[in-house]
């Protein structure tokens, strides 16, 4: 998959991991149209399955699923460094690392979200080249894999997005987790 295709996959997954509301549901047809630009059939299928399942359930159920999965799931929350550090001091170091790394590459994080929030990380990956995004995702790949492993593919539509993210990371050359590989 080319860099622009992987960037589009990251941007779509970032958007689809946002809190669902009626505008979100209404935009899913546009998301499916954007998928036509992605050359990887496997990634396209995963995102299409998410969109179809999201469109076929009441908004209240989609919201409840999102809250149960990401807001109450200790093993499935979207704050990637929380997976390995919880509220320990080391998490603060990871957050500072991410904020500085993003800034170094011209991506500025607002104060609305922490820099380890997966949709923010994916937004970063969607805006920079693969060379810039790879070190961050290699560092936290195991955390992302852990989230996917704790989602039931039969009962949780968000498993499709996590699988699409991992496929896109693999196609972008992210293949291992190495916490010590990147320094600022």
Protein backbone atom coordinates (compact mmCIF):
# COMPACT_ATOMS: atom_id res chain seq x y z
CA UNK A 1 0.00 0.00 0.00
CA UNK A 2 1.37 3.42 -0.88
CA UNK A 3 2.03 6.08 1.73
CA UNK A 4 -1.06 8.05 0.72
CA UNK A 5 -3.23 4.93 0.99
CA UNK A 6 -1.93 4.08 4.45
CA UNK A 7 -2.35 7.71 5.46
CA UNK A 8 -5.97 7.60 4.32
CA UNK A 9 -6.55 4.35 6.25
CA UNK A 10 -5.12 5.95 9.40
CA UNK A 11 -7.27 9.07 8.95
CA UNK A 12 -10.45 7.05 8.42
CA UNK A 13 -9.78 4.86 11.44
CA UNK A 14 -9.03 7.94 13.54
CA UNK A 15 -12.37 9.41 12.56
CA UNK A 16 -14.26 6.14 13.07
CA UNK A 17 -12.87 5.83 16.60
CA UNK A 18 -14.55 9.09 17.56
CA UNK A 19 -17.55 9.17 19.88
CA UNK A 20 -20.61 8.28 17.78
CA UNK A 21 -23.53 10.65 17.29
CA UNK A 22 -26.12 11.13 14.53
CA UNK A 23 -23.68 13.11 12.36
CA UNK A 24 -21.25 10.21 12.69
CA UNK A 25 -23.92 7.74 11.51
CA UNK A 26 -24.88 10.06 8.64
CA UNK A 27 -21.22 10.30 7.51
CA UNK A 28 -20.64 6.55 7.20
CA UNK A 29 -21.73 6.51 3.54
CA UNK A 30 -19.07 9.13 2.77
CA UNK A 31 -16.49 7.05 4.65
CA UNK A 32 -17.40 4.04 2.52
CA UNK A 33 -16.93 6.15 -0.62
CA UNK A 34 -13.47 7.20 0.62
CA UNK A 35 -12.58 3.52 1.00
CA UNK A 36 -12.52 3.17 -2.78
CA UNK A 37 -9.14 4.96 -2.72
CA UNK A 38 -7.57 2.32 -0.47
CA UNK A 39 -5.84 -0.42 -2.46
CA UNK A 40 -5.54 -2.98 0.34
CA UNK A 41 -8.56 -5.25 0.10
CA UNK A 42 -8.10 -6.57 3.65
CA UNK A 43 -8.09 -3.08 5.19
CA UNK A 44 -11.00 -2.00 3.02
CA UNK A 45 -13.08 -5.04 4.07
CA UNK A 46 -12.45 -4.46 7.80
CA UNK A 47 -13.50 -0.80 7.60
CA UNK A 48 -16.52 -1.66 5.42
CA UNK A 49 -17.65 -4.28 7.94
CA UNK A 50 -17.40 -1.71 10.73
CA UNK A 51 -19.42 0.83 8.72
CA UNK A 52 -22.12 -1.71 7.84
CA UNK A 53 -22.48 -2.90 11.42
CA UNK A 54 -22.55 0.70 12.71
CA UNK A 55 -25.26 1.67 10.21
CA UNK A 56 -27.36 -1.37 11.13
CA UNK A 57 -27.68 -0.70 14.83
CA UNK A 58 -29.54 2.01 16.72
CA UNK A 59 -27.42 4.99 17.73
CA UNK A 60 -28.08 4.27 21.43
CA UNK A 61 -26.59 0.78 21.03
CA UNK A 62 -23.57 2.13 19.16
CA UNK A 63 -22.97 4.72 21.90
CA UNK A 64 -23.35 2.07 24.61
CA UNK A 65 -20.90 -0.20 22.80
CA UNK A 66 -18.38 2.64 22.46
CA UNK A 67 -18.67 3.58 26.14
CA UNK A 68 -18.48 -0.02 27.35
CA UNK A 69 -15.48 -0.77 25.10
CA UNK A 70 -13.34 2.33 25.41
CA UNK A 71 -14.48 4.30 28.45
CA UNK A 72 -14.95 1.41 30.87
CA UNK A 73 -12.56 -1.15 29.41
CA UNK A 74 -9.25 -1.05 31.30
CA UNK A 75 -7.70 -3.33 28.68
CA UNK A 76 -9.40 -1.62 25.74
CA UNK A 77 -9.22 2.10 26.44
CA UNK A 78 -7.80 4.30 23.69
CA UNK A 79 -5.02 5.85 25.79
CA UNK A 80 -2.16 3.75 24.51
CA UNK A 81 0.42 4.43 27.23
CA UNK A 82 -2.14 3.66 29.92
CA UNK A 83 -1.93 0.05 28.78
CA UNK A 84 1.66 -0.32 29.97
CA UNK A 85 1.99 2.40 32.61
CA UNK A 86 -1.41 3.11 34.13
CA UNK A 87 -1.14 6.28 36.18
CA UNK A 88 2.53 5.76 37.01
CA UNK A 89 5.19 8.41 36.52
CA UNK A 90 6.49 6.65 33.41
CA UNK A 91 3.27 7.48 31.61
CA UNK A 92 4.02 11.17 32.02
CA UNK A 93 7.38 10.58 30.35
CA UNK A 94 5.66 8.81 27.45
CA UNK A 95 3.14 11.64 27.09
CA UNK A 96 5.95 14.20 27.01
CA UNK A 97 7.86 12.10 24.48
CA UNK A 98 4.81 11.94 22.19
CA UNK A 99 4.02 15.63 22.48
CA UNK A 100 7.63 16.56 21.65
CA UNK A 101 7.87 14.01 18.83
CA UNK A 102 4.68 15.34 17.24
CA UNK A 103 5.91 18.92 17.55
CA UNK A 104 9.25 17.97 15.98
CA UNK A 105 7.31 16.74 12.94
CA UNK A 106 4.99 19.77 12.67
CA UNK A 107 1.96 18.15 14.29
CA UNK A 108 0.52 20.11 17.20
CA UNK A 109 -1.75 18.44 19.74
CA UNK A 110 -4.48 20.52 21.35
CA UNK A 111 -5.16 20.42 25.06
CA UNK A 112 -8.46 18.60 24.38
CA UNK A 113 -6.82 15.16 24.20
CA UNK A 114 -3.69 13.56 25.53
CA UNK A 115 -1.06 12.74 22.89
CA UNK A 116 -1.39 8.98 23.54
CA UNK A 117 -5.07 8.93 22.54
CA UNK A 118 -5.14 6.48 19.62
CA UNK A 119 -7.26 8.69 17.31
CA UNK A 120 -4.68 11.49 17.82
CA UNK A 121 -1.84 9.07 17.08
CA UNK A 122 -3.63 7.93 13.92
CA UNK A 123 -4.27 11.52 12.87
CA UNK A 124 -0.52 12.12 13.23
CA UNK A 125 0.20 9.00 11.14
CA UNK A 126 -2.22 10.27 8.51
CA UNK A 127 -0.43 13.59 8.16
CA UNK A 128 3.26 12.66 8.18
CA UNK A 129 5.33 10.34 6.04
CA UNK A 130 5.94 6.74 7.02
CA UNK A 131 9.49 7.45 8.11
CA UNK A 132 8.20 9.88 10.75
CA UNK A 133 5.29 7.77 11.99
CA UNK A 134 7.03 4.39 12.19
CA UNK A 135 9.12 4.99 15.34
CA UNK A 136 6.06 6.03 17.37
CA UNK A 137 4.01 3.04 16.31
CA UNK A 138 6.90 0.61 16.71
CA UNK A 139 7.24 1.86 20.26
CA UNK A 140 3.56 1.27 21.08
CA UNK A 141 2.62 -1.57 18.71
CA UNK A 142 2.28 -4.11 21.52
CA UNK A 143 -0.20 -1.83 23.31
CA UNK A 144 -2.35 -1.52 20.18
CA UNK A 145 -2.19 -5.28 19.64
CA UNK A 146 -3.30 -5.82 23.23
CA UNK A 147 -6.42 -3.71 22.70
CA UNK A 148 -7.33 -5.74 19.63
CA UNK A 149 -6.76 -9.02 21.49
CA UNK A 150 -9.24 -7.99 24.19
CA UNK A 151 -12.06 -7.25 21.75
CA UNK A 152 -14.42 -10.06 20.80
CA UNK A 153 -14.58 -10.10 16.98
CA UNK A 154 -18.01 -11.73 17.02
CA UNK A 155 -19.65 -9.18 19.32
CA UNK A 156 -17.71 -5.94 19.05
CA UNK A 157 -17.69 -3.98 15.80
CA UNK A 158 -14.66 -1.97 16.97
CA UNK A 159 -12.55 -5.10 16.52
CA UNK A 160 -12.79 -4.42 12.76
CA UNK A 161 -11.19 -1.00 13.18
CA UNK A 162 -8.43 -2.30 15.41
CA UNK A 163 -7.70 -5.04 12.92
CA UNK A 164 -7.65 -2.51 10.05
CA UNK A 165 -5.21 -0.34 12.03
CA UNK A 166 -2.88 -3.28 12.62
CA UNK A 167 -3.05 -4.27 8.95
CA UNK A 168 -2.26 -0.70 7.87
CA UNK A 169 0.64 -0.53 10.33
CA UNK A 170 2.00 -3.80 8.98
CA UNK A 171 1.75 -2.53 5.42
CA UNK A 172 3.51 0.68 6.49
CA UNK A 173 6.42 -1.42 7.75
CA UNK A 174 5.66 -1.28 11.48
CA UNK A 175 6.49 -4.76 12.67
CA UNK A 176 7.90 -4.72 16.16
CA UNK A 177 7.66 -2.97 19.47
CA UNK A 178 10.91 -1.45 20.64
CA UNK A 179 10.44 0.98 23.51
CA UNK A 180 14.01 2.20 23.44
CA UNK A 181 14.37 2.97 19.74
CA UNK A 182 13.34 6.62 19.65
CA UNK A 183 14.84 9.49 21.57
CA UNK A 184 14.18 13.20 21.27
